[in-house]
Amino acid sequence: MASEIVFFNPGDSLGNFHDYNEAVRSGQLYRHKDETPHELVIATDPKNDEEYLIFYAKDAVDPANNKDKHGTKYNISKHL
């Protein structure tokens, strides 16, 4: 199965976790409290797959079309 690779600005992360289950639980709580139902994703940095970050899926950066923002490559682990 091919992994899903997406670019994000690291400053857009809602949280940074070392435990996958904690990241999922926190993402679910954050989504439950959020009044706007935007999709969240759990992502890992390919260089350090021991950290899990939470991003809004809508905050993904297209490096080909957006010259002002420089995104970092992440692997998507889960969609929430």
PDB file of N, CA and C in Angstrom:
ATOM      1  N   MET A   1       0.845  -1.185   0.000  1.00  0.00           N
ATOM      2  CA  MET A   1       0.000   0.000   0.000  1.00  0.00           C
ATOM      3  C   MET A   1       0.887   1.243   0.000  1.00  0.00           C
ATOM      4  N   ALA A   2       0.649   2.143  -0.897  1.00  0.00           N
ATOM      5  CA  ALA A   2       1.429   3.373  -0.996  1.00  0.00           C
ATOM      6  C   ALA A   2       1.000   4.344   0.092  1.00  0.00           C
ATOM      7  N   SER A   3       1.973   5.014   0.667  1.00  0.00           N
ATOM      8  CA  SER A   3       1.639   5.986   1.708  1.00  0.00           C
ATOM      9  C   SER A   3       1.215   7.303   1.064  1.00  0.00           C
ATOM     10  N   GLU A   4       0.376   8.011   1.766  1.00  0.00           N
ATOM     11  CA  GLU A   4      -0.107   9.311   1.290  1.00  0.00           C
ATOM     12  C   GLU A   4       0.859  10.384   1.783  1.00  0.00           C
ATOM     13  N   ILE A   5       1.458  11.117   0.860  1.00  0.00           N
ATOM     14  CA  ILE A   5       2.420  12.161   1.207  1.00  0.00           C
ATOM     15  C   ILE A   5       1.790  13.515   0.936  1.00  0.00           C
ATOM     16  N   VAL A   6       1.853  14.387   1.942  1.00  0.00           N
ATOM     17  CA  VAL A   6       1.265  15.724   1.853  1.00  0.00           C
ATOM     18  C   VAL A   6       2.263  16.713   2.442  1.00  0.00           C
ATOM     19  N   PHE A   7       2.228  17.947   1.966  1.00  0.00           N
ATOM     20  CA  PHE A   7       3.094  19.001   2.486  1.00  0.00           C
ATOM     21  C   PHE A   7       2.288  19.921   3.398  1.00  0.00           C
ATOM     22  N   PHE A   8       2.857  20.238   4.569  1.00  0.00           N
ATOM     23  CA  PHE A   8       2.252  21.169   5.518  1.00  0.00           C
ATOM     24  C   PHE A   8       3.315  22.137   6.007  1.00  0.00           C
ATOM     25  N   ASN A   9       2.880  23.315   6.434  1.00  0.00           N
ATOM     26  CA  ASN A   9       3.743  24.241   7.153  1.00  0.00           C
ATOM     27  C   ASN A   9       3.791  23.730   8.592  1.00  0.00           C
ATOM     28  N   PRO A  10       4.965  23.408   9.147  1.00  0.00           N
ATOM     29  CA  PRO A  10       5.040  22.868  10.504  1.00  0.00           C
ATOM     30  C   PRO A  10       4.385  23.765  11.556  1.00  0.00           C
ATOM     31  N   GLY A  11       4.346  25.061  11.326  1.00  0.00           N
ATOM     32  CA  GLY A  11       3.718  25.987  12.266  1.00  0.00           C
ATOM     33  C   GLY A  11       2.210  25.856  12.327  1.00  0.00           C
ATOM     34  N   ASP A  12       1.606  25.171  11.357  1.00  0.00           N
ATOM     35  CA  ASP A  12       0.159  24.962  11.347  1.00  0.00           C
ATOM     36  C   ASP A  12      -0.269  23.760  12.179  1.00  0.00           C
ATOM     37  N   SER A  13       0.678  23.046  12.759  1.00  0.00           N
ATOM     38  CA  SER A  13       0.359  21.863  13.558  1.00  0.00           C
ATOM     39  C   SER A  13      -0.455  22.242  14.787  1.00  0.00           C
ATOM     40  N   LEU A  14      -1.490  21.451  15.071  1.00  0.00           N
ATOM     41  CA  LEU A  14      -2.316  21.661  16.263  1.00  0.00           C
ATOM     42  C   LEU A  14      -1.735  20.958  17.476  1.00  0.00           C
ATOM     43  N   GLY A  15      -0.851  20.018  17.260  1.00  0.00           N
ATOM     44  CA  GLY A  15      -0.246  19.291  18.367  1.00  0.00           C
ATOM     45  C   GLY A  15       0.843  18.365  17.872  1.00  0.00           C
ATOM     46  N   ASN A  16       1.763  18.036  18.770  1.00  0.00           N
ATOM     47  CA  ASN A  16       2.897  17.179  18.471  1.00  0.00           C
ATOM     48  C   ASN A  16       2.973  16.129  19.573  1.00  0.00           C
ATOM     49  N   PHE A  17       2.968  14.849  19.199  1.00  0.00           N
ATOM     50  CA  PHE A  17       2.900  13.768  20.177  1.00  0.00           C
ATOM     51  C   PHE A  17       3.920  12.686  19.845  1.00  0.00           C
ATOM     52  N   HIS A  18       4.358  11.969  20.882  1.00  0.00           N
ATOM     53  CA  HIS A  18       5.263  10.839  20.683  1.00  0.00           C
ATOM     54  C   HIS A  18       4.506   9.516  20.686  1.00  0.00           C
ATOM     55  N   ASP A  19       3.257   9.540  21.119  1.00  0.00           N
ATOM     56  CA  ASP A  19       2.441   8.333  21.182  1.00  0.00           C
ATOM     57  C   ASP A  19       1.299   8.441  20.169  1.00  0.00           C
ATOM     58  N   TYR A  20       1.197   7.464  19.279  1.00  0.00           N
ATOM     59  CA  TYR A  20       0.181   7.493  18.224  1.00  0.00           C
ATOM     60  C   TYR A  20      -1.225   7.532  18.810  1.00  0.00           C
ATOM     61  N   ASN A  21      -1.500   6.679  19.787  1.00  0.00           N
ATOM     62  CA  ASN A  21      -2.839   6.628  20.377  1.00  0.00           C
ATOM     63  C   ASN A  21      -3.213   7.944  21.051  1.00  0.00           C
ATOM     64  N   GLU A  22      -2.249   8.585  21.684  1.00  0.00           N
ATOM     65  CA  GLU A  22      -2.498   9.892  22.301  1.00  0.00           C
ATOM     66  C   GLU A  22      -2.811  10.942  21.227  1.00  0.00           C
ATOM     67  N   ALA A  23      -2.111  10.876  20.111  1.00  0.00           N
ATOM     68  CA  ALA A  23      -2.374  11.817  19.017  1.00  0.00           C
ATOM     69  C   ALA A  23      -3.780  11.626  18.463  1.00  0.00           C
ATOM     70  N   VAL A  24      -4.187  10.374  18.278  1.00  0.00           N
ATOM     71  CA  VAL A  24      -5.531  10.094  17.766  1.00  0.00           C
ATOM     72  C   VAL A  24      -6.578  10.570  18.761  1.00  0.00           C
ATOM     73  N   ARG A  25      -6.390  10.250  20.033  1.00  0.00           N
ATOM     74  CA  ARG A  25      -7.334  10.659  21.079  1.00  0.00           C
ATOM     75  C   ARG A  25      -7.438  12.181  21.150  1.00  0.00           C
ATOM     76  N   SER A  26      -6.307  12.867  21.116  1.00  0.00           N
ATOM     77  CA  SER A  26      -6.313  14.334  21.163  1.00  0.00           C
ATOM     78  C   SER A  26      -6.969  14.920  19.919  1.00  0.00           C
ATOM     79  N   GLY A  27      -6.712  14.329  18.767  1.00  0.00           N
ATOM     80  CA  GLY A  27      -7.347  14.793  17.538  1.00  0.00           C
ATOM     81  C   GLY A  27      -8.853  14.632  17.578  1.00  0.00           C
ATOM     82  N   GLN A  28      -9.319  13.509  18.125  1.00  0.00           N
ATOM     83  CA  GLN A  28     -10.759  13.283  18.245  1.00  0.00           C
ATOM     84  C   GLN A  28     -11.388  14.289  19.204  1.00  0.00           C
ATOM     85  N   LEU A  29     -10.710  14.568  20.317  1.00  0.00           N
ATOM     86  CA  LEU A  29     -11.220  15.564  21.268  1.00  0.00           C
ATOM     87  C   LEU A  29     -11.232  16.954  20.644  1.00  0.00           C
ATOM     88  N   TYR A  30     -10.173  17.296  19.937  1.00  0.00           N
ATOM     89  CA  TYR A  30     -10.096  18.608  19.295  1.00  0.00           C
ATOM     90  C   TYR A  30     -11.208  18.759  18.263  1.00  0.00           C
ATOM     91  N   ARG A  31     -11.433  17.703  17.483  1.00  0.00           N
ATOM     92  CA  ARG A  31     -12.478  17.754  16.458  1.00  0.00           C
ATOM     93  C   ARG A  31     -13.858  17.860  17.097  1.00  0.00           C
ATOM     94  N   HIS A  32     -14.055  17.180  18.216  1.00  0.00           N
ATOM     95  CA  HIS A  32     -15.342  17.230  18.916  1.00  0.00           C
ATOM     96  C   HIS A  32     -15.623  18.643  19.444  1.00  0.00           C
ATOM     97  N   LYS A  33     -14.585  19.332  19.926  1.00  0.00           N
ATOM     98  CA  LYS A  33     -14.742  20.687  20.477  1.00  0.00           C
ATOM     99  C   LYS A  33     -14.848  21.750  19.386  1.00  0.00           C
ATOM    100  N   ASP A  34     -14.306  21.456  18.204  1.00  0.00           N
ATOM    101  CA  ASP A  34     -14.293  22.423  17.104  1.00  0.00           C
ATOM    102  C   ASP A  34     -15.704  22.592  16.550  1.00  0.00           C
ATOM    103  N   GLU A  35     -16.144  23.821  16.417  1.00  0.00           N
ATOM    104  CA  GLU A  35     -17.495  24.086  15.921  1.00  0.00           C
ATOM    105  C   GLU A  35     -17.588  23.995  14.402  1.00  0.00           C
ATOM    106  N   THR A  36     -16.458  24.052  13.717  1.00  0.00           N
ATOM    107  CA  THR A  36     -16.463  23.893  12.262  1.00  0.00           C
ATOM    108  C   THR A  36     -15.914  22.503  11.952  1.00  0.00           C
ATOM    109  N   PRO A  37     -16.662  21.678  11.265  1.00  0.00           N
ATOM    110  CA  PRO A  37     -16.262  20.273  11.065  1.00  0.00           C
ATOM    111  C   PRO A  37     -15.210  20.077   9.971  1.00  0.00           C
ATOM    112  N   HIS A  38     -14.018  20.592  10.196  1.00  0.00           N
ATOM    113  CA  HIS A  38     -12.934  20.397   9.231  1.00  0.00           C
ATOM    114  C   HIS A  38     -12.236  19.071   9.518  1.00  0.00           C
ATOM    115  N   GLU A  39     -11.824  18.407   8.452  1.00  0.00           N
ATOM    116  CA  GLU A  39     -11.126  17.134   8.601  1.00  0.00           C
ATOM    117  C   GLU A  39      -9.743  17.363   9.201  1.00  0.00           C
ATOM    118  N   LEU A  40      -9.365  16.501  10.137  1.00  0.00           N
ATOM    119  CA  LEU A  40      -8.033  16.514  10.727  1.00  0.00           C
ATOM    120  C   LEU A  40      -7.265  15.306  10.220  1.00  0.00           C
ATOM    121  N   VAL A  41      -5.942  15.422  10.193  1.00  0.00           N
ATOM    122  CA  VAL A  41      -5.098  14.289   9.827  1.00  0.00           C
ATOM    123  C   VAL A  41      -3.992  14.132  10.860  1.00  0.00           C
ATOM    124  N   ILE A  42      -3.605  12.886  11.077  1.00  0.00           N
ATOM    125  CA  ILE A  42      -2.439  12.568  11.892  1.00  0.00           C
ATOM    126  C   ILE A  42      -1.314  12.308  10.900  1.00  0.00           C
ATOM    127  N   ALA A  43      -0.199  12.997  11.065  1.00  0.00           N
ATOM    128  CA  ALA A  43       0.907  12.898  10.110  1.00  0.00           C
ATOM    129  C   ALA A  43       2.216  12.612  10.832  1.00  0.00           C
ATOM    130  N   THR A  44       3.151  12.011  10.103  1.00  0.00           N
ATOM    131  CA  THR A  44       4.494  11.781  10.624  1.00  0.00           C
ATOM    132  C   THR A  44       5.504  12.360   9.644  1.00  0.00           C
ATOM    133  N   ASP A  45       6.592  12.852  10.194  1.00  0.00           N
ATOM    134  CA  ASP A  45       7.705  13.328   9.379  1.00  0.00           C
ATOM    135  C   ASP A  45       8.490  12.096   8.927  1.00  0.00           C
ATOM    136  N   PRO A  46       8.726  11.919   7.629  1.00  0.00           N
ATOM    137  CA  PRO A  46       9.458  10.736   7.162  1.00  0.00           C
ATOM    138  C   PRO A  46      10.854  10.604   7.775  1.00  0.00           C
ATOM    139  N   LYS A  47      11.438  11.714   8.198  1.00  0.00           N
ATOM    140  CA  LYS A  47      12.770  11.675   8.800  1.00  0.00           C
ATOM    141  C   LYS A  47      12.721  11.250  10.263  1.00  0.00           C
ATOM    142  N   ASN A  48      11.562  11.432  10.911  1.00  0.00           N
ATOM    143  CA  ASN A  48      11.416  11.095  12.329  1.00  0.00           C
ATOM    144  C   ASN A  48      10.019  10.517  12.531  1.00  0.00           C
ATOM    145  N   ASP A  49       9.868   9.227  12.282  1.00  0.00           N
ATOM    146  CA  ASP A  49       8.538   8.622  12.353  1.00  0.00           C
ATOM    147  C   ASP A  49       8.106   8.291  13.781  1.00  0.00           C
ATOM    148  N   GLU A  50       8.788   8.847  14.778  1.00  0.00           N
ATOM    149  CA  GLU A  50       8.400   8.652  16.175  1.00  0.00           C
ATOM    150  C   GLU A  50       7.562   9.810  16.695  1.00  0.00           C
ATOM    151  N   GLU A  51       7.363  10.843  15.888  1.00  0.00           N
ATOM    152  CA  GLU A  51       6.534  11.984  16.267  1.00  0.00           C
ATOM    153  C   GLU A  51       5.288  12.011  15.398  1.00  0.00           C
ATOM    154  N   TYR A  52       4.165  12.284  16.035  1.00  0.00           N
ATOM    155  CA  TYR A  52       2.883  12.371  15.339  1.00  0.00           C
ATOM    156  C   TYR A  52       2.352  13.783  15.495  1.00  0.00           C
ATOM    157  N   LEU A  53       1.966  14.388  14.388  1.00  0.00           N
ATOM    158  CA  LEU A  53       1.455  15.752  14.393  1.00  0.00           C
ATOM    159  C   LEU A  53       0.020  15.758  13.899  1.00  0.00           C
ATOM    160  N   ILE A  54      -0.764  16.719  14.390  1.00  0.00           N
ATOM    161  CA  ILE A  54      -2.148  16.877  13.963  1.00  0.00           C
ATOM    162  C   ILE A  54      -2.246  18.152  13.136  1.00  0.00           C
ATOM    163  N   PHE A  55      -2.856  18.034  11.966  1.00  0.00           N
ATOM    164  CA  PHE A  55      -3.078  19.175  11.082  1.00  0.00           C
ATOM    165  C   PHE A  55      -4.520  19.168  10.604  1.00  0.00           C
ATOM    166  N   TYR A  56      -5.020  20.353  10.234  1.00  0.00           N
ATOM    167  CA  TYR A  56      -6.247  20.426   9.450  1.00  0.00           C
ATOM    168  C   TYR A  56      -5.879  19.999   8.034  1.00  0.00           C
ATOM    169  N   ALA A  57      -6.666  19.115   7.446  1.00  0.00           N
ATOM    170  CA  ALA A  57      -6.389  18.670   6.076  1.00  0.00           C
ATOM    171  C   ALA A  57      -6.406  19.849   5.106  1.00  0.00           C
ATOM    172  N   LYS A  58      -7.248  20.846   5.377  1.00  0.00           N
ATOM    173  CA  LYS A  58      -7.369  22.008   4.489  1.00  0.00           C
ATOM    174  C   LYS A  58      -6.108  22.872   4.480  1.00  0.00           C
ATOM    175  N   ASP A  59      -5.219  22.690   5.460  1.00  0.00           N
ATOM    176  CA  ASP A  59      -3.996  23.488   5.542  1.00  0.00           C
ATOM    177  C   ASP A  59      -2.843  22.907   4.727  1.00  0.00           C
ATOM    178  N   ALA A  60      -3.097  21.851   3.975  1.00  0.00           N
ATOM    179  CA  ALA A  60      -2.039  21.266   3.147  1.00  0.00           C
ATOM    180  C   ALA A  60      -1.525  22.305   2.158  1.00  0.00           C
ATOM    181  N   VAL A  61      -0.229  22.277   1.914  1.00  0.00           N
ATOM    182  CA  VAL A  61       0.435  23.235   1.027  1.00  0.00           C
ATOM    183  C   VAL A  61       0.781  22.531  -0.280  1.00  0.00           C
ATOM    184  N   ASP A  62       0.477  23.163  -1.389  1.00  0.00           N
ATOM    185  CA  ASP A  62       0.879  22.656  -2.700  1.00  0.00           C
ATOM    186  C   ASP A  62       2.180  23.359  -3.069  1.00  0.00           C
ATOM    187  N   PRO A  63       3.314  22.675  -2.966  1.00  0.00           N
ATOM    188  CA  PRO A  63       4.599  23.345  -3.211  1.00  0.00           C
ATOM    189  C   PRO A  63       4.766  23.831  -4.649  1.00  0.00           C
ATOM    190  N   ALA A  64       4.051  23.246  -5.589  1.00  0.00           N
ATOM    191  CA  ALA A  64       4.185  23.668  -6.991  1.00  0.00           C
ATOM    192  C   ALA A  64       3.459  24.977  -7.268  1.00  0.00           C
ATOM    193  N   ASN A  65       2.364  25.231  -6.562  1.00  0.00           N
ATOM    194  CA  ASN A  65       1.546  26.416  -6.844  1.00  0.00           C
ATOM    195  C   ASN A  65       1.688  27.533  -5.822  1.00  0.00           C
ATOM    196  N   ASN A  66       2.364  27.292  -4.739  1.00  0.00           N
ATOM    197  CA  ASN A  66       2.420  28.290  -3.675  1.00  0.00           C
ATOM    198  C   ASN A  66       3.872  28.623  -3.365  1.00  0.00           C
ATOM    199  N   LYS A  67       4.364  29.682  -3.930  1.00  0.00           N
ATOM    200  CA  LYS A  67       5.774  30.057  -3.767  1.00  0.00           C
ATOM    201  C   LYS A  67       6.047  30.766  -2.438  1.00  0.00           C
ATOM    202  N   ASP A  68       5.000  31.319  -1.794  1.00  0.00           N
ATOM    203  CA  ASP A  68       5.208  32.068  -0.556  1.00  0.00           C
ATOM    204  C   ASP A  68       5.356  31.167   0.664  1.00  0.00           C
ATOM    205  N   LYS A  69       4.730  30.009   0.647  1.00  0.00           N
ATOM    206  CA  LYS A  69       4.802  29.090   1.784  1.00  0.00           C
ATOM    207  C   LYS A  69       5.670  27.906   1.402  1.00  0.00           C
ATOM    208  N   HIS A  70       6.526  27.531   2.308  1.00  0.00           N
ATOM    209  CA  HIS A  70       7.367  26.365   2.080  1.00  0.00           C
ATOM    210  C   HIS A  70       6.861  25.253   2.975  1.00  0.00           C
ATOM    211  N   GLY A  71       6.402  24.188   2.369  1.00  0.00           N
ATOM    212  CA  GLY A  71       5.869  23.073   3.133  1.00  0.00           C
ATOM    213  C   GLY A  71       6.925  22.027   3.416  1.00  0.00           C
ATOM    214  N   THR A  72       6.666  21.254   4.452  1.00  0.00           N
ATOM    215  CA  THR A  72       7.495  20.122   4.822  1.00  0.00           C
ATOM    216  C   THR A  72       6.724  18.860   4.484  1.00  0.00           C
ATOM    217  N   LYS A  73       7.418  17.858   3.982  1.00  0.00           N
ATOM    218  CA  LYS A  73       6.768  16.616   3.572  1.00  0.00           C
ATOM    219  C   LYS A  73       6.413  15.775   4.800  1.00  0.00           C
ATOM    220  N   TYR A  74       5.164  15.281   4.825  1.00  0.00           N
ATOM    221  CA  TYR A  74       4.676  14.412   5.896  1.00  0.00           C
ATOM    222  C   TYR A  74       3.942  13.228   5.295  1.00  0.00           C
ATOM    223  N   ASN A  75       3.986  12.107   6.002  1.00  0.00           N
ATOM    224  CA  ASN A  75       3.188  10.937   5.654  1.00  0.00           C
ATOM    225  C   ASN A  75       1.919  10.969   6.489  1.00  0.00           C
ATOM    226  N   ILE A  76       0.775  10.772   5.857  1.00  0.00           N
ATOM    227  CA  ILE A  76      -0.497  10.758   6.572  1.00  0.00           C
ATOM    228  C   ILE A  76      -0.705   9.369   7.167  1.00  0.00           C
ATOM    229  N   SER A  77      -0.949   9.321   8.482  1.00  0.00           N
ATOM    230  CA  SER A  77      -1.195   8.058   9.175  1.00  0.00           C
ATOM    231  C   SER A  77      -2.676   7.770   9.328  1.00  0.00           C
ATOM    232  N   LYS A  78      -3.474   8.829   9.510  1.00  0.00           N
ATOM    233  CA  LYS A  78      -4.901   8.639   9.758  1.00  0.00           C
ATOM    234  C   LYS A  78      -5.655   9.919   9.450  1.00  0.00           C
ATOM    235  N   HIS A  79      -6.860   9.760   8.907  1.00  0.00           N
ATOM    236  CA  HIS A  79      -7.792  10.870   8.700  1.00  0.00           C
ATOM    237  C   HIS A  79      -8.823  10.818   9.814  1.00  0.00           C
ATOM    238  N   LEU A  80      -9.131  11.971  10.397  1.00  0.00           N
ATOM    239  CA  LEU A  80     -10.154  12.043  11.453  1.00  0.00           C
ATOM    240  C   LEU A  80     -11.300  12.917  10.992  1.00  0.00           C
TER     241      LEU A  80
END
